[in-house]
Amino acid sequence: MAFQLPNLPYSFDALEPHIDARTMEIHHGKHHAAYTNNLNAAIQGTDMEHMTIEAILASISKYSPAVRNNGGGYYNHNLFWTLMSPNGSAQPAAGTAIHDAIIQDFGAFEEFKKLFSAAAATRFGSGWAWLCVGAEGKLFVSSTPNQDNPLMDVTEQKGQPVLGLDVWEHAYYLNYQNRRPDYVEAFYNVVNWNEVNRLYLAAK
């Protein structure tokens, strides 16, 4: 198989009480696994078997809806798990590159948080909220529907994601039901800002 389901970097219950173990188990073991299996089925026997997921996404307009949906789902979740940690914190440490960039580009961390939370809470139906590095090296907040992401050539605002939040109902419904804003707020308790900072520096 071209793509493999990665292991979670922590136990299912590691993010409790903010994200419950049962949700993590189903989200990773059922949903992410399905995206992985369906992506492999969709690219079987094609040149995409020898491409990176990033290269596939960069020219996703050339490929089928199955590749777009499952390729996005595969990449987005691979990233998502690394962006959370049981040792997460509500905001990045002062003096880190991502902290300074957020202050520079949004004016204050609270301004970034307001924009990111709104992007997550107001995305109609299923989708993702993103913090990305744009072509000019400046940070921006956006959201995408379904399993689209800012790497795709079909996306209105393209960039390199450094933070993403899954707002599909399967990511939060067992614990939060229809209270998506509560889930969004809880997410800030488990953000792995060290990884966000690493991704930011790599994107720069």
C-alpha atoms as a PDB file:
ATOM      1  CA  MET A   1       0.000   0.000   0.000  1.00  0.00           C
ATOM      2  CA  ALA A   2       1.241   3.461  -0.895  1.00  0.00           C
ATOM      3  CA  PHE A   3       0.063   5.204   2.277  1.00  0.00           C
ATOM      4  CA  GLN A   4       0.010   3.910   5.834  1.00  0.00           C
ATOM      5  CA  LEU A   5      -2.139   4.892   8.795  1.00  0.00           C
ATOM      6  CA  PRO A   6       0.252   6.448  11.328  1.00  0.00           C
ATOM      7  CA  ASN A   7       0.092   5.527  14.988  1.00  0.00           C
ATOM      8  CA  LEU A   8      -1.210   8.139  17.389  1.00  0.00           C
ATOM      9  CA  PRO A   9       1.710   9.822  19.192  1.00  0.00           C
ATOM     10  CA  TYR A  10      -0.105   9.371  22.538  1.00  0.00           C
ATOM     11  CA  SER A  11      -2.753   7.130  24.096  1.00  0.00           C
ATOM     12  CA  PHE A  12      -6.447   7.513  23.283  1.00  0.00           C
ATOM     13  CA  ASP A  13      -7.164   9.004  26.708  1.00  0.00           C
ATOM     14  CA  ALA A  14      -4.135  11.326  26.790  1.00  0.00           C
ATOM     15  CA  LEU A  15      -6.112  14.439  25.819  1.00  0.00           C
ATOM     16  CA  GLU A  16      -8.895  13.996  28.377  1.00  0.00           C
ATOM     17  CA  PRO A  17     -10.934  15.776  29.630  1.00  0.00           C
ATOM     18  CA  HIS A  18     -10.709  18.075  26.603  1.00  0.00           C
ATOM     19  CA  ILE A  19     -11.042  15.328  23.970  1.00  0.00           C
ATOM     20  CA  ASP A  20     -12.366  12.002  25.207  1.00  0.00           C
ATOM     21  CA  ALA A  21     -10.783   8.607  24.628  1.00  0.00           C
ATOM     22  CA  ARG A  22     -13.774   7.090  22.812  1.00  0.00           C
ATOM     23  CA  THR A  23     -13.814   9.933  20.273  1.00  0.00           C
ATOM     24  CA  MET A  24     -10.071   9.584  19.691  1.00  0.00           C
ATOM     25  CA  GLU A  25     -10.357   5.821  19.251  1.00  0.00           C
ATOM     26  CA  ILE A  26     -13.159   6.093  16.682  1.00  0.00           C
ATOM     27  CA  HIS A  27     -11.668   9.153  14.968  1.00  0.00           C
ATOM     28  CA  HIS A  28      -8.283   7.531  14.426  1.00  0.00           C
ATOM     29  CA  GLY A  29      -9.172   3.863  14.133  1.00  0.00           C
ATOM     30  CA  LYS A  30     -12.304   4.224  11.994  1.00  0.00           C
ATOM     31  CA  HIS A  31     -12.388   7.585  10.206  1.00  0.00           C
ATOM     32  CA  HIS A  32      -8.670   8.139   9.554  1.00  0.00           C
ATOM     33  CA  ALA A  33      -8.229   4.459   8.722  1.00  0.00           C
ATOM     34  CA  ALA A  34     -11.077   4.675   6.196  1.00  0.00           C
ATOM     35  CA  TYR A  35      -9.544   7.730   4.495  1.00  0.00           C
ATOM     36  CA  THR A  36      -6.238   5.870   4.262  1.00  0.00           C
ATOM     37  CA  ASN A  37      -7.752   2.690   2.824  1.00  0.00           C
ATOM     38  CA  ASN A  38      -9.995   4.566   0.398  1.00  0.00           C
ATOM     39  CA  LEU A  39      -7.114   6.742  -0.808  1.00  0.00           C
ATOM     40  CA  ASN A  40      -5.014   3.664  -1.530  1.00  0.00           C
ATOM     41  CA  ALA A  41      -7.916   2.109  -3.437  1.00  0.00           C
ATOM     42  CA  ALA A  42      -8.439   5.304  -5.448  1.00  0.00           C
ATOM     43  CA  ILE A  43      -4.799   5.595  -6.556  1.00  0.00           C
ATOM     44  CA  GLN A  44      -4.128   1.910  -7.151  1.00  0.00           C
ATOM     45  CA  GLY A  45      -2.491   1.308 -10.531  1.00  0.00           C
ATOM     46  CA  THR A  46      -1.848   5.012 -11.188  1.00  0.00           C
ATOM     47  CA  ASP A  47       1.220   7.250 -11.090  1.00  0.00           C
ATOM     48  CA  MET A  48      -0.059   8.608  -7.779  1.00  0.00           C
ATOM     49  CA  GLU A  49       1.182   5.449  -6.081  1.00  0.00           C
ATOM     50  CA  HIS A  50       4.702   6.890  -6.446  1.00  0.00           C
ATOM     51  CA  MET A  51       3.876  10.490  -5.435  1.00  0.00           C
ATOM     52  CA  THR A  52       3.936  12.147  -2.036  1.00  0.00           C
ATOM     53  CA  ILE A  53       0.592  13.146  -0.592  1.00  0.00           C
ATOM     54  CA  GLU A  54       1.669  16.795  -0.820  1.00  0.00           C
ATOM     55  CA  ALA A  55       2.354  16.456  -4.557  1.00  0.00           C
ATOM     56  CA  ILE A  56      -1.037  14.835  -5.095  1.00  0.00           C
ATOM     57  CA  LEU A  57      -2.813  17.615  -3.210  1.00  0.00           C
ATOM     58  CA  ALA A  58      -0.934  20.341  -5.101  1.00  0.00           C
ATOM     59  CA  SER A  59      -2.548  19.172  -8.350  1.00  0.00           C
ATOM     60  CA  ILE A  60      -5.747  17.747  -6.906  1.00  0.00           C
ATOM     61  CA  SER A  61      -7.918  19.389  -9.596  1.00  0.00           C
ATOM     62  CA  LYS A  62      -6.607  16.742 -12.037  1.00  0.00           C
ATOM     63  CA  TYR A  63      -7.879  13.847  -9.952  1.00  0.00           C
ATOM     64  CA  SER A  64     -11.172  12.242  -8.980  1.00  0.00           C
ATOM     65  CA  PRO A  65     -13.401  13.313  -6.081  1.00  0.00           C
ATOM     66  CA  ALA A  66     -12.370  10.090  -4.319  1.00  0.00           C
ATOM     67  CA  VAL A  67      -8.718  11.153  -4.394  1.00  0.00           C
ATOM     68  CA  ARG A  68      -9.596  14.688  -3.302  1.00  0.00           C
ATOM     69  CA  ASN A  69     -11.793  13.644  -0.385  1.00  0.00           C
ATOM     70  CA  ASN A  70      -9.662  10.773   0.889  1.00  0.00           C
ATOM     71  CA  GLY A  71      -6.313  12.367   0.102  1.00  0.00           C
ATOM     72  CA  GLY A  72      -7.362  15.438   2.033  1.00  0.00           C
ATOM     73  CA  GLY A  73      -8.685  13.308   4.872  1.00  0.00           C
ATOM     74  CA  TYR A  74      -5.443  11.352   5.005  1.00  0.00           C
ATOM     75  CA  TYR A  75      -3.161  14.414   5.056  1.00  0.00           C
ATOM     76  CA  ASN A  76      -5.335  16.513   7.367  1.00  0.00           C
ATOM     77  CA  HIS A  77      -5.544  13.846  10.038  1.00  0.00           C
ATOM     78  CA  ASN A  78      -1.841  12.957   9.796  1.00  0.00           C
ATOM     79  CA  LEU A  79      -1.177  16.603  10.641  1.00  0.00           C
ATOM     80  CA  PHE A  80      -3.971  16.963  13.204  1.00  0.00           C
ATOM     81  CA  TRP A  81      -2.700  14.290  15.589  1.00  0.00           C
ATOM     82  CA  THR A  82       0.744  15.916  15.787  1.00  0.00           C
ATOM     83  CA  LEU A  83      -0.762  19.328  16.556  1.00  0.00           C
ATOM     84  CA  MET A  84      -2.175  18.098  19.868  1.00  0.00           C
ATOM     85  CA  SER A  85      -0.367  16.908  22.955  1.00  0.00           C
ATOM     86  CA  PRO A  86      -1.186  15.973  26.557  1.00  0.00           C
ATOM     87  CA  ASN A  87       1.471  18.594  27.377  1.00  0.00           C
ATOM     88  CA  GLY A  88      -0.246  21.212  25.234  1.00  0.00           C
ATOM     89  CA  SER A  89      -0.671  24.823  26.241  1.00  0.00           C
ATOM     90  CA  ALA A  90      -3.191  27.592  25.646  1.00  0.00           C
ATOM     91  CA  GLN A  91      -0.703  29.716  23.705  1.00  0.00           C
ATOM     92  CA  PRO A  92       2.866  29.559  22.414  1.00  0.00           C
ATOM     93  CA  ALA A  93       5.755  30.437  24.678  1.00  0.00           C
ATOM     94  CA  ALA A  94       6.915  34.040  24.528  1.00  0.00           C
ATOM     95  CA  GLY A  95       9.976  34.468  22.359  1.00  0.00           C
ATOM     96  CA  THR A  96       9.255  31.524  20.061  1.00  0.00           C
ATOM     97  CA  ALA A  97       9.108  32.276  16.350  1.00  0.00           C
ATOM     98  CA  ILE A  98       5.407  31.404  16.068  1.00  0.00           C
ATOM     99  CA  HIS A  99       4.530  33.579  19.068  1.00  0.00           C
ATOM    100  CA  ASP A 100       6.341  36.561  17.583  1.00  0.00           C
ATOM    101  CA  ALA A 101       4.817  35.973  14.144  1.00  0.00           C
ATOM    102  CA  ILE A 102       1.278  35.816  15.576  1.00  0.00           C
ATOM    103  CA  ILE A 103       1.839  39.109  17.414  1.00  0.00           C
ATOM    104  CA  GLN A 104       3.303  40.698  14.278  1.00  0.00           C
ATOM    105  CA  ASP A 105       0.635  39.491  11.854  1.00  0.00           C
ATOM    106  CA  PHE A 106      -2.495  39.645  14.062  1.00  0.00           C
ATOM    107  CA  GLY A 107      -1.565  42.298  16.636  1.00  0.00           C
ATOM    108  CA  ALA A 108      -2.160  40.061  19.661  1.00  0.00           C
ATOM    109  CA  PHE A 109      -2.636  36.378  20.439  1.00  0.00           C
ATOM    110  CA  GLU A 110      -6.257  37.071  21.433  1.00  0.00           C
ATOM    111  CA  GLU A 111      -6.910  38.558  17.986  1.00  0.00           C
ATOM    112  CA  PHE A 112      -5.557  35.424  16.317  1.00  0.00           C
ATOM    113  CA  LYS A 113      -7.629  33.238  18.655  1.00  0.00           C
ATOM    114  CA  LYS A 114     -10.768  35.234  17.868  1.00  0.00           C
ATOM    115  CA  LEU A 115     -10.236  34.773  14.113  1.00  0.00           C
ATOM    116  CA  PHE A 116      -9.325  31.082  14.366  1.00  0.00           C
ATOM    117  CA  SER A 117     -12.250  30.291  16.679  1.00  0.00           C
ATOM    118  CA  ALA A 118     -14.638  32.094  14.340  1.00  0.00           C
ATOM    119  CA  ALA A 119     -13.275  30.216  11.317  1.00  0.00           C
ATOM    120  CA  ALA A 120     -13.881  26.935  13.151  1.00  0.00           C
ATOM    121  CA  ALA A 121     -17.263  27.800  14.636  1.00  0.00           C
ATOM    122  CA  THR A 122     -18.792  29.329  11.498  1.00  0.00           C
ATOM    123  CA  ARG A 123     -17.647  26.723   8.942  1.00  0.00           C
ATOM    124  CA  PHE A 124     -21.015  25.467   7.715  1.00  0.00           C
ATOM    125  CA  GLY A 125     -21.342  21.696   7.817  1.00  0.00           C
ATOM    126  CA  SER A 126     -18.072  19.783   7.901  1.00  0.00           C
ATOM    127  CA  GLY A 127     -14.579  21.146   7.414  1.00  0.00           C
ATOM    128  CA  TRP A 128     -11.433  22.546   8.960  1.00  0.00           C
ATOM    129  CA  ALA A 129     -10.019  25.774  10.383  1.00  0.00           C
ATOM    130  CA  TRP A 130      -6.398  26.615   9.536  1.00  0.00           C
ATOM    131  CA  LEU A 131      -3.482  28.809  10.491  1.00  0.00           C
ATOM    132  CA  CYS A 132      -1.174  28.945   7.483  1.00  0.00           C
ATOM    133  CA  VAL A 133       1.961  30.579   6.164  1.00  0.00           C
ATOM    134  CA  GLY A 134       1.183  32.358   2.899  1.00  0.00           C
ATOM    135  CA  ALA A 135       3.378  32.936  -0.136  1.00  0.00           C
ATOM    136  CA  GLU A 136       4.810  36.149   1.343  1.00  0.00           C
ATOM    137  CA  GLY A 137       5.675  34.424   4.612  1.00  0.00           C
ATOM    138  CA  LYS A 138       2.795  36.063   6.470  1.00  0.00           C
ATOM    139  CA  LEU A 139       0.352  34.102   8.639  1.00  0.00           C
ATOM    140  CA  PHE A 140      -3.329  33.927   7.758  1.00  0.00           C
ATOM    141  CA  VAL A 141      -6.425  32.171   9.112  1.00  0.00           C
ATOM    142  CA  SER A 142      -8.853  30.382   6.812  1.00  0.00           C
ATOM    143  CA  SER A 143     -11.297  27.514   6.699  1.00  0.00           C
ATOM    144  CA  THR A 144     -12.041  24.855   4.094  1.00  0.00           C
ATOM    145  CA  PRO A 145     -15.034  22.588   3.499  1.00  0.00           C
ATOM    146  CA  ASN A 146     -15.057  18.818   3.861  1.00  0.00           C
ATOM    147  CA  GLN A 147     -11.469  17.442   3.687  1.00  0.00           C
ATOM    148  CA  ASP A 148     -10.040  20.240   1.542  1.00  0.00           C
ATOM    149  CA  ASN A 149      -6.940  22.056   2.772  1.00  0.00           C
ATOM    150  CA  PRO A 150      -4.795  25.063   1.764  1.00  0.00           C
ATOM    151  CA  LEU A 151      -2.256  22.888  -0.082  1.00  0.00           C
ATOM    152  CA  MET A 152      -4.823  22.047  -2.763  1.00  0.00           C
ATOM    153  CA  ASP A 153      -4.811  23.909  -6.064  1.00  0.00           C
ATOM    154  CA  VAL A 154      -8.610  24.240  -5.794  1.00  0.00           C
ATOM    155  CA  THR A 155      -8.404  26.224  -2.558  1.00  0.00           C
ATOM    156  CA  GLU A 156      -9.157  29.941  -2.653  1.00  0.00           C
ATOM    157  CA  GLN A 157      -6.392  30.913  -0.207  1.00  0.00           C
ATOM    158  CA  LYS A 158      -3.324  28.727  -0.581  1.00  0.00           C
ATOM    159  CA  GLY A 159      -0.597  28.274   2.006  1.00  0.00           C
ATOM    160  CA  GLN A 160       1.330  25.879   4.222  1.00  0.00           C
ATOM    161  CA  PRO A 161      -0.771  24.747   7.196  1.00  0.00           C
ATOM    162  CA  VAL A 162       0.926  24.995  10.594  1.00  0.00           C
ATOM    163  CA  LEU A 163      -2.212  24.550  12.749  1.00  0.00           C
ATOM    164  CA  GLY A 164      -5.488  22.873  11.848  1.00  0.00           C
ATOM    165  CA  LEU A 165      -8.685  22.023  13.686  1.00  0.00           C
ATOM    166  CA  ASP A 166     -11.108  19.337  12.544  1.00  0.00           C
ATOM    167  CA  VAL A 167     -14.700  20.548  12.903  1.00  0.00           C
ATOM    168  CA  TRP A 168     -16.412  17.517  11.418  1.00  0.00           C
ATOM    169  CA  GLU A 169     -19.009  16.288  13.907  1.00  0.00           C
ATOM    170  CA  HIS A 170     -17.160  12.992  14.310  1.00  0.00           C
ATOM    171  CA  ALA A 171     -14.330  14.959  15.941  1.00  0.00           C
ATOM    172  CA  TYR A 172     -16.430  16.164  18.865  1.00  0.00           C
ATOM    173  CA  TYR A 173     -20.056  14.984  18.884  1.00  0.00           C
ATOM    174  CA  LEU A 174     -19.790  12.210  21.497  1.00  0.00           C
ATOM    175  CA  ASN A 175     -18.568  14.668  24.123  1.00  0.00           C
ATOM    176  CA  TYR A 176     -19.848  18.056  22.949  1.00  0.00           C
ATOM    177  CA  GLN A 177     -22.961  17.185  20.895  1.00  0.00           C
ATOM    178  CA  ASN A 178     -23.952  20.349  19.009  1.00  0.00           C
ATOM    179  CA  ARG A 179     -21.733  22.638  21.126  1.00  0.00           C
ATOM    180  CA  ARG A 180     -18.987  23.148  18.572  1.00  0.00           C
ATOM    181  CA  PRO A 181     -17.760  26.407  20.172  1.00  0.00           C
ATOM    182  CA  ASP A 182     -17.109  24.520  23.434  1.00  0.00           C
ATOM    183  CA  TYR A 183     -15.024  21.965  21.526  1.00  0.00           C
ATOM    184  CA  VAL A 184     -13.104  24.753  19.787  1.00  0.00           C
ATOM    185  CA  GLU A 185     -12.336  26.391  23.132  1.00  0.00           C
ATOM    186  CA  ALA A 186     -11.250  23.057  24.636  1.00  0.00           C
ATOM    187  CA  PHE A 187      -8.849  22.506  21.734  1.00  0.00           C
ATOM    188  CA  TYR A 188      -6.634  25.377  22.918  1.00  0.00           C
ATOM    189  CA  ASN A 189      -5.790  23.366  26.048  1.00  0.00           C
ATOM    190  CA  VAL A 190      -4.068  20.638  24.029  1.00  0.00           C
ATOM    191  CA  VAL A 191      -2.361  22.549  21.200  1.00  0.00           C
ATOM    192  CA  ASN A 192       1.211  21.343  20.653  1.00  0.00           C
ATOM    193  CA  TRP A 193       2.761  24.770  20.075  1.00  0.00           C
ATOM    194  CA  ASN A 194       6.238  23.248  19.856  1.00  0.00           C
ATOM    195  CA  GLU A 195       5.127  21.385  16.726  1.00  0.00           C
ATOM    196  CA  VAL A 196       3.325  24.451  15.363  1.00  0.00           C
ATOM    197  CA  ASN A 197       6.534  26.422  15.849  1.00  0.00           C
ATOM    198  CA  ARG A 198       8.574  23.707  14.090  1.00  0.00           C
ATOM    199  CA  LEU A 199       6.173  23.688  11.132  1.00  0.00           C
ATOM    200  CA  TYR A 200       6.230  27.489  10.981  1.00  0.00           C
ATOM    201  CA  LEU A 201      10.031  27.595  10.845  1.00  0.00           C
ATOM    202  CA  ALA A 202      10.038  24.883   8.151  1.00  0.00           C
ATOM    203  CA  ALA A 203       7.464  26.788   6.088  1.00  0.00           C
ATOM    204  CA  LYS A 204       9.468  29.994   6.335  1.00  0.00           C
END
